[in-house]
Structures are given as structure tokens and as C-alpha cells.
PDB file of N, CA and C in Angstrom:
ATOM      1  N   MET A   1       8.076  10.847  -4.825  1.00  0.00           N
ATOM      2  CA  MET A   1       8.817   9.946  -5.674  1.00  0.00           C
ATOM      3  C   MET A   1       8.470   8.521  -5.287  1.00  0.00           C
ATOM      4  N   PHE A   2       8.467   7.621  -6.255  1.00  0.00           N
ATOM      5  CA  PHE A   2       8.271   6.211  -5.952  1.00  0.00           C
ATOM      6  C   PHE A   2       9.064   5.361  -6.938  1.00  0.00           C
ATOM      7  N   THR A   3       9.332   4.133  -6.523  1.00  0.00           N
ATOM      8  CA  THR A   3      10.012   3.175  -7.389  1.00  0.00           C
ATOM      9  C   THR A   3       9.142   1.936  -7.509  1.00  0.00           C
ATOM     10  N   ILE A   4       9.313   1.205  -8.612  1.00  0.00           N
ATOM     11  CA  ILE A   4       8.603  -0.051  -8.843  1.00  0.00           C
ATOM     12  C   ILE A   4       9.638  -1.089  -9.263  1.00  0.00           C
ATOM     13  N   GLU A   5       9.606  -2.241  -8.585  1.00  0.00           N
ATOM     14  CA  GLU A   5      10.497  -3.352  -8.926  1.00  0.00           C
ATOM     15  C   GLU A   5       9.655  -4.607  -9.067  1.00  0.00           C
ATOM     16  N   HIS A   6       9.967  -5.430 -10.059  1.00  0.00           N
ATOM     17  CA  HIS A   6       9.268  -6.687 -10.252  1.00  0.00           C
ATOM     18  C   HIS A   6      10.174  -7.829  -9.824  1.00  0.00           C
ATOM     19  N   ASP A   7       9.789  -8.523  -8.749  1.00  0.00           N
ATOM     20  CA  ASP A   7      10.508  -9.704  -8.287  1.00  0.00           C
ATOM     21  C   ASP A   7       9.804 -10.943  -8.817  1.00  0.00           C
ATOM     22  N   PHE A   8      10.332 -12.100  -8.479  1.00  0.00           N
ATOM     23  CA  PHE A   8       9.765 -13.370  -8.941  1.00  0.00           C
ATOM     24  C   PHE A   8       8.317 -13.537  -8.514  1.00  0.00           C
ATOM     25  N   ASP A   9       7.994 -13.253  -7.253  1.00  0.00           N
ATOM     26  CA  ASP A   9       6.653 -13.514  -6.733  1.00  0.00           C
ATOM     27  C   ASP A   9       5.883 -12.264  -6.307  1.00  0.00           C
ATOM     28  N   ALA A  10       6.442 -11.074  -6.533  1.00  0.00           N
ATOM     29  CA  ALA A  10       5.772  -9.855  -6.081  1.00  0.00           C
ATOM     30  C   ALA A  10       6.252  -8.642  -6.870  1.00  0.00           C
ATOM     31  N   THR A  11       5.415  -7.616  -6.856  1.00  0.00           N
ATOM     32  CA  THR A  11       5.813  -6.299  -7.332  1.00  0.00           C
ATOM     33  C   THR A  11       6.035  -5.452  -6.096  1.00  0.00           C
ATOM     34  N   ILE A  12       7.181  -4.805  -6.007  1.00  0.00           N
ATOM     35  CA  ILE A  12       7.547  -4.005  -4.838  1.00  0.00           C
ATOM     36  C   ILE A  12       7.476  -2.527  -5.219  1.00  0.00           C
ATOM     37  N   ILE A  13       6.634  -1.781  -4.522  1.00  0.00           N
ATOM     38  CA  ILE A  13       6.507  -0.344  -4.737  1.00  0.00           C
ATOM     39  C   ILE A  13       7.024   0.345  -3.482  1.00  0.00           C
ATOM     40  N   THR A  14       7.963   1.262  -3.641  1.00  0.00           N
ATOM     41  CA  THR A  14       8.485   2.031  -2.517  1.00  0.00           C
ATOM     42  C   THR A  14       8.112   3.489  -2.733  1.00  0.00           C
ATOM     43  N   ILE A  15       7.408   4.059  -1.757  1.00  0.00           N
ATOM     44  CA  ILE A  15       6.999   5.453  -1.820  1.00  0.00           C
ATOM     45  C   ILE A  15       7.914   6.241  -0.894  1.00  0.00           C
ATOM     46  N   VAL A  16       8.632   7.191  -1.477  1.00  0.00           N
ATOM     47  CA  VAL A  16       9.609   7.992  -0.748  1.00  0.00           C
ATOM     48  C   VAL A  16       8.981   9.354  -0.443  1.00  0.00           C
ATOM     49  N   ASP A  17       9.056   9.771   0.804  1.00  0.00           N
ATOM     50  CA  ASP A  17       8.559  11.092   1.204  1.00  0.00           C
ATOM     51  C   ASP A  17       9.628  12.117   0.875  1.00  0.00           C
ATOM     52  N   ASP A  18       9.412  12.879  -0.199  1.00  0.00           N
ATOM     53  CA  ASP A  18      10.406  13.859  -0.647  1.00  0.00           C
ATOM     54  C   ASP A  18      10.711  14.909   0.414  1.00  0.00           C
ATOM     55  N   ALA A  19       9.730  15.232   1.253  1.00  0.00           N
ATOM     56  CA  ALA A  19       9.936  16.237   2.304  1.00  0.00           C
ATOM     57  C   ALA A  19      10.636  15.652   3.521  1.00  0.00           C
ATOM     58  N   GLN A  20      10.831  14.355   3.540  1.00  0.00           N
ATOM     59  CA  GLN A  20      11.475  13.632   4.636  1.00  0.00           C
ATOM     60  C   GLN A  20      10.766  13.846   5.972  1.00  0.00           C
ATOM     61  N   ALA A  21       9.438  14.032   5.911  1.00  0.00           N
ATOM     62  CA  ALA A  21       8.645  14.173   7.130  1.00  0.00           C
ATOM     63  C   ALA A  21       8.242  12.810   7.687  1.00  0.00           C
ATOM     64  N   ALA A  22       8.318  11.772   6.856  1.00  0.00           N
ATOM     65  CA  ALA A  22       7.934  10.427   7.279  1.00  0.00           C
ATOM     66  C   ALA A  22       8.871   9.412   6.621  1.00  0.00           C
ATOM     67  N   GLU A  23       8.923   8.235   7.215  1.00  0.00           N
ATOM     68  CA  GLU A  23       9.745   7.158   6.658  1.00  0.00           C
ATOM     69  C   GLU A  23       9.122   6.643   5.357  1.00  0.00           C
ATOM     70  N   ASP A  24       9.938   6.031   4.508  1.00  0.00           N
ATOM     71  CA  ASP A  24       9.454   5.451   3.262  1.00  0.00           C
ATOM     72  C   ASP A  24       8.437   4.351   3.549  1.00  0.00           C
ATOM     73  N   ILE A  25       7.544   4.134   2.611  1.00  0.00           N
ATOM     74  CA  ILE A  25       6.553   3.063   2.697  1.00  0.00           C
ATOM     75  C   ILE A  25       6.862   2.063   1.597  1.00  0.00           C
ATOM     76  N   THR A  26       6.868   0.774   1.950  1.00  0.00           N
ATOM     77  CA  THR A  26       7.077  -0.286   0.973  1.00  0.00           C
ATOM     78  C   THR A  26       5.802  -1.114   0.861  1.00  0.00           C
ATOM     79  N   ILE A  27       5.332  -1.299  -0.380  1.00  0.00           N
ATOM     80  CA  ILE A  27       4.136  -2.094  -0.634  1.00  0.00           C
ATOM     81  C   ILE A  27       4.552  -3.273  -1.497  1.00  0.00           C
ATOM     82  N   SER A  28       4.374  -4.475  -0.981  1.00  0.00           N
ATOM     83  CA  SER A  28       4.680  -5.693  -1.730  1.00  0.00           C
ATOM     84  C   SER A  28       3.348  -6.285  -2.190  1.00  0.00           C
ATOM     85  N   VAL A  29       3.158  -6.348  -3.516  1.00  0.00           N
ATOM     86  CA  VAL A  29       1.901  -6.825  -4.075  1.00  0.00           C
ATOM     87  C   VAL A  29       2.098  -8.244  -4.600  1.00  0.00           C
ATOM     88  N   PHE A  30       1.287  -9.170  -4.076  1.00  0.00           N
ATOM     89  CA  PHE A  30       1.323 -10.575  -4.467  1.00  0.00           C
ATOM     90  C   PHE A  30       0.046 -10.920  -5.228  1.00  0.00           C
ATOM     91  N   ASP A  31      -0.076 -12.144  -5.711  1.00  0.00           N
ATOM     92  CA  ASP A  31      -1.289 -12.574  -6.419  1.00  0.00           C
ATOM     93  C   ASP A  31      -2.531 -12.487  -5.540  1.00  0.00           C
ATOM     94  N   ASP A  32      -2.386 -12.737  -4.244  1.00  0.00           N
ATOM     95  CA  ASP A  32      -3.553 -12.826  -3.363  1.00  0.00           C
ATOM     96  C   ASP A  32      -3.708 -11.652  -2.401  1.00  0.00           C
ATOM     97  N   GLY A  33      -2.907 -10.602  -2.549  1.00  0.00           N
ATOM     98  CA  GLY A  33      -3.036  -9.463  -1.647  1.00  0.00           C
ATOM     99  C   GLY A  33      -1.775  -8.623  -1.637  1.00  0.00           C
ATOM    100  N   ALA A  34      -1.653  -7.796  -0.601  1.00  0.00           N
ATOM    101  CA  ALA A  34      -0.504  -6.897  -0.494  1.00  0.00           C
ATOM    102  C   ALA A  34      -0.096  -6.731   0.963  1.00  0.00           C
ATOM    103  N   ARG A  35       1.144  -6.354   1.160  1.00  0.00           N
ATOM    104  CA  ARG A  35       1.677  -6.069   2.485  1.00  0.00           C
ATOM    105  C   ARG A  35       2.263  -4.668   2.446  1.00  0.00           C
ATOM    106  N   VAL A  36       1.825  -3.818   3.374  1.00  0.00           N
ATOM    107  CA  VAL A  36       2.299  -2.444   3.466  1.00  0.00           C
ATOM    108  C   VAL A  36       3.198  -2.344   4.694  1.00  0.00           C
ATOM    109  N   GLU A  37       4.417  -1.846   4.520  1.00  0.00           N
ATOM    110  CA  GLU A  37       5.383  -1.764   5.622  1.00  0.00           C
ATOM    111  C   GLU A  37       5.969  -0.367   5.726  1.00  0.00           C
ATOM    112  N   GLN A  38       6.245   0.038   6.965  1.00  0.00           N
ATOM    113  CA  GLN A  38       6.921   1.313   7.218  1.00  0.00           C
ATOM    114  C   GLN A  38       7.745   1.168   8.492  1.00  0.00           C
ATOM    115  N   LEU A  39       8.968   1.668   8.442  1.00  0.00           N
ATOM    116  CA  LEU A  39       9.839   1.672   9.609  1.00  0.00           C
ATOM    117  C   LEU A  39       9.330   2.714  10.600  1.00  0.00           C
ATOM    118  N   GLU A  40       9.193   2.323  11.842  1.00  0.00           N
ATOM    119  CA  GLU A  40       8.848   3.272  12.896  1.00  0.00           C
ATOM    120  C   GLU A  40      10.161   3.772  13.482  1.00  0.00           C
ATOM    121  N   ALA A  41      10.500   5.013  13.177  1.00  0.00           N
ATOM    122  CA  ALA A  41      11.807   5.567  13.536  1.00  0.00           C
ATOM    123  C   ALA A  41      12.053   5.569  15.037  1.00  0.00           C
ATOM    124  N   ARG A  42      11.008   5.783  15.799  1.00  0.00           N
ATOM    125  CA  ARG A  42      11.169   5.867  17.263  1.00  0.00           C
ATOM    126  C   ARG A  42      11.615   4.543  17.866  1.00  0.00           C
ATOM    127  N   THR A  43      11.055   3.431  17.369  1.00  0.00           N
ATOM    128  CA  THR A  43      11.383   2.122  17.937  1.00  0.00           C
ATOM    129  C   THR A  43      12.358   1.322  17.081  1.00  0.00           C
ATOM    130  N   GLY A  44      12.523   1.708  15.826  1.00  0.00           N
ATOM    131  CA  GLY A  44      13.385   0.951  14.928  1.00  0.00           C
ATOM    132  C   GLY A  44      12.743  -0.319  14.405  1.00  0.00           C
ATOM    133  N   LYS A  45      11.439  -0.496  14.644  1.00  0.00           N
ATOM    134  CA  LYS A  45      10.725  -1.689  14.184  1.00  0.00           C
ATOM    135  C   LYS A  45       9.921  -1.387  12.931  1.00  0.00           C
ATOM    136  N   VAL A  46       9.775  -2.396  12.094  1.00  0.00           N
ATOM    137  CA  VAL A  46       8.957  -2.272  10.894  1.00  0.00           C
ATOM    138  C   VAL A  46       7.523  -2.629  11.268  1.00  0.00           C
ATOM    139  N   ARG A  47       6.603  -1.760  10.931  1.00  0.00           N
ATOM    140  CA  ARG A  47       5.171  -1.999  11.149  1.00  0.00           C
ATOM    141  C   ARG A  47       4.569  -2.421   9.822  1.00  0.00           C
ATOM    142  N   ALA A  48       3.665  -3.387   9.850  1.00  0.00           N
ATOM    143  CA  ALA A  48       3.097  -3.915   8.615  1.00  0.00           C
ATOM    144  C   ALA A  48       1.608  -4.193   8.764  1.00  0.00           C
ATOM    145  N   ILE A  49       0.894  -4.070   7.641  1.00  0.00           N
ATOM    146  CA  ILE A  49      -0.487  -4.513   7.553  1.00  0.00           C
ATOM    147  C   ILE A  49      -0.629  -5.315   6.267  1.00  0.00           C
ATOM    148  N   ALA A  50      -1.594  -6.220   6.243  1.00  0.00           N
ATOM    149  CA  ALA A  50      -1.864  -7.022   5.054  1.00  0.00           C
ATOM    150  C   ALA A  50      -3.248  -6.662   4.526  1.00  0.00           C
ATOM    151  N   LEU A  51      -3.368  -6.576   3.208  1.00  0.00           N
ATOM    152  CA  LEU A  51      -4.638  -6.291   2.561  1.00  0.00           C
ATOM    153  C   LEU A  51      -4.956  -7.406   1.573  1.00  0.00           C
ATOM    154  N   THR A  52      -6.219  -7.781   1.484  1.00  0.00           N
ATOM    155  CA  THR A  52      -6.641  -8.726   0.457  1.00  0.00           C
ATOM    156  C   THR A  52      -6.770  -7.974  -0.865  1.00  0.00           C
ATOM    157  N   THR A  53      -6.925  -8.707  -1.957  1.00  0.00           N
ATOM    158  CA  THR A  53      -7.106  -8.041  -3.242  1.00  0.00           C
ATOM    159  C   THR A  53      -8.393  -7.218  -3.245  1.00  0.00           C
ATOM    160  N   GLY A  54      -9.431  -7.681  -2.565  1.00  0.00           N
ATOM    161  CA  GLY A  54     -10.674  -6.920  -2.468  1.00  0.00           C
ATOM    162  C   GLY A  54     -10.483  -5.614  -1.716  1.00  0.00           C
ATOM    163  N   GLN A  55      -9.718  -5.650  -0.634  1.00  0.00           N
ATOM    164  CA  GLN A  55      -9.441  -4.426   0.116  1.00  0.00           C
ATOM    165  C   GLN A  55      -8.611  -3.447  -0.715  1.00  0.00           C
ATOM    166  N   MET A  56      -7.674  -3.960  -1.501  1.00  0.00           N
ATOM    167  CA  MET A  56      -6.877  -3.088  -2.370  1.00  0.00           C
ATOM    168  C   MET A  56      -7.767  -2.430  -3.416  1.00  0.00           C
ATOM    169  N   ARG A  57      -8.702  -3.189  -3.981  1.00  0.00           N
ATOM    170  CA  ARG A  57      -9.632  -2.644  -4.974  1.00  0.00           C
ATOM    171  C   ARG A  57     -10.480  -1.540  -4.358  1.00  0.00           C
ATOM    172  N   ASP A  58     -10.993  -1.782  -3.133  1.00  0.00           N
ATOM    173  CA  ASP A  58     -11.799  -0.779  -2.445  1.00  0.00           C
ATOM    174  C   ASP A  58     -10.984   0.471  -2.130  1.00  0.00           C
ATOM    175  N   LEU A  59      -9.751   0.295  -1.693  1.00  0.00           N
ATOM    176  CA  LEU A  59      -8.891   1.436  -1.391  1.00  0.00           C
ATOM    177  C   LEU A  59      -8.641   2.276  -2.637  1.00  0.00           C
ATOM    178  N   ALA A  60      -8.344   1.630  -3.751  1.00  0.00           N
ATOM    179  CA  ALA A  60      -8.097   2.353  -4.996  1.00  0.00           C
ATOM    180  C   ALA A  60      -9.334   3.144  -5.414  1.00  0.00           C
ATOM    181  N   ALA A  61     -10.508   2.552  -5.288  1.00  0.00           N
ATOM    182  CA  ALA A  61     -11.748   3.246  -5.647  1.00  0.00           C
ATOM    183  C   ALA A  61     -12.022   4.405  -4.694  1.00  0.00           C
ATOM    184  N   ALA A  62     -11.728   4.233  -3.418  1.00  0.00           N
ATOM    185  CA  ALA A  62     -12.020   5.253  -2.408  1.00  0.00           C
ATOM    186  C   ALA A  62     -11.218   6.532  -2.628  1.00  0.00           C
ATOM    187  N   LEU A  63     -10.066   6.431  -3.248  1.00  0.00           N
ATOM    188  CA  LEU A  63      -9.230   7.601  -3.453  1.00  0.00           C
ATOM    189  C   LEU A  63      -9.888   8.647  -4.350  1.00  0.00           C
ATOM    190  N   ASP A  64     -10.838   8.219  -5.191  1.00  0.00           N
ATOM    191  CA  ASP A  64     -11.468   9.136  -6.142  1.00  0.00           C
ATOM    192  C   ASP A  64     -12.942   9.417  -5.840  1.00  0.00           C
ATOM    193  N   LEU A  65     -13.419   9.059  -4.660  1.00  0.00           N
ATOM    194  CA  LEU A  65     -14.836   9.238  -4.332  1.00  0.00           C
ATOM    195  C   LEU A  65     -15.019  10.258  -3.211  1.00  0.00           C
ATOM    196  N   PRO A  66     -16.171  10.934  -3.197  1.00  0.00           N
ATOM    197  CA  PRO A  66     -16.455  11.860  -2.096  1.00  0.00           C
ATOM    198  C   PRO A  66     -16.838  11.102  -0.823  1.00  0.00           C
ATOM    199  N   GLU A  67     -16.980  11.819   0.260  1.00  0.00           N
ATOM    200  CA  GLU A  67     -17.355  11.241   1.546  1.00  0.00           C
ATOM    201  C   GLU A  67     -18.648  10.438   1.412  1.00  0.00           C
ATOM    202  N   GLY A  68     -18.719   9.286   2.086  1.00  0.00           N
ATOM    203  CA  GLY A  68     -19.913   8.449   2.039  1.00  0.00           C
ATOM    204  C   GLY A  68     -19.565   7.000   2.267  1.00  0.00           C
ATOM    205  N   ALA A  69     -20.569   6.125   2.185  1.00  0.00           N
ATOM    206  CA  ALA A  69     -20.391   4.684   2.322  1.00  0.00           C
ATOM    207  C   ALA A  69     -20.685   4.042   0.964  1.00  0.00           C
ATOM    208  N   TYR A  70     -19.857   3.099   0.554  1.00  0.00           N
ATOM    209  CA  TYR A  70     -19.970   2.516  -0.776  1.00  0.00           C
ATOM    210  C   TYR A  70     -19.772   1.019  -0.717  1.00  0.00           C
ATOM    211  N   ARG A  71     -20.332   0.330  -1.724  1.00  0.00           N
ATOM    212  CA  ARG A  71     -20.060  -1.095  -1.947  1.00  0.00           C
ATOM    213  C   ARG A  71     -19.832  -1.251  -3.434  1.00  0.00           C
ATOM    214  N   LEU A  72     -18.680  -1.771  -3.821  1.00  0.00           N
ATOM    215  CA  LEU A  72     -18.372  -1.977  -5.226  1.00  0.00           C
ATOM    216  C   LEU A  72     -19.042  -3.255  -5.715  1.00  0.00           C
ATOM    217  N   ARG A  73     -19.569  -3.202  -6.936  1.00  0.00           N
ATOM    218  CA  ARG A  73     -20.161  -4.388  -7.552  1.00  0.00           C
ATOM    219  C   ARG A  73     -19.335  -4.780  -8.763  1.00  0.00           C
ATOM    220  N   ARG A  74     -19.212  -6.070  -8.958  1.00  0.00           N
ATOM    221  CA  ARG A  74     -18.566  -6.573 -10.160  1.00  0.00           C
ATOM    222  C   ARG A  74     -19.668  -6.895 -11.171  1.00  0.00           C
ATOM    223  N   ASP A  75     -19.533  -6.353 -12.374  1.00  0.00           N
ATOM    224  CA  ASP A  75     -20.534  -6.629 -13.425  1.00  0.00           C
ATOM    225  C   ASP A  75     -20.042  -7.678 -14.380  1.00  0.00           C
TER     226      ASP A  75
END
């Protein structure tokens, strides 16, 4: 399950683990990139990584490709 919310400066996507095997993941998408956050249950701290728009594009493409090394080109 996931939810999508549109705020003033970002789109917030929350991915909920239906099996409750992992904590929810929150992805905040801005004009210039995204921030991925997840609560670490053991420590109670939120862990985060930041992605550029190029990294997000590469990640989206990688989900549908077989094993290998790739470089996306803009035409």
C-alpha cells in the first residue's frame, strides 16, 4: 500500500509494508531531487538519503532492466 500527498513544495509518497516486516518509507520529491527516509526501529532514529533528479531517473529505469551496466541518454 502507498499514499501520495501534494504539499506546497513537495510530493510526499509513503510506502507502507503490508506485512509489517519493515518500517514505512517516506519519499519527499522536490523540484531538484528527492529524500528517502525510514525510521530505524532499533535506535528510534530516522535514516535518510538524498537523490538528485538524475539518480531518480536512473533508479526508475533500473527497475525494468536485466543485470548489467547502463548509461541513459537524453535524445
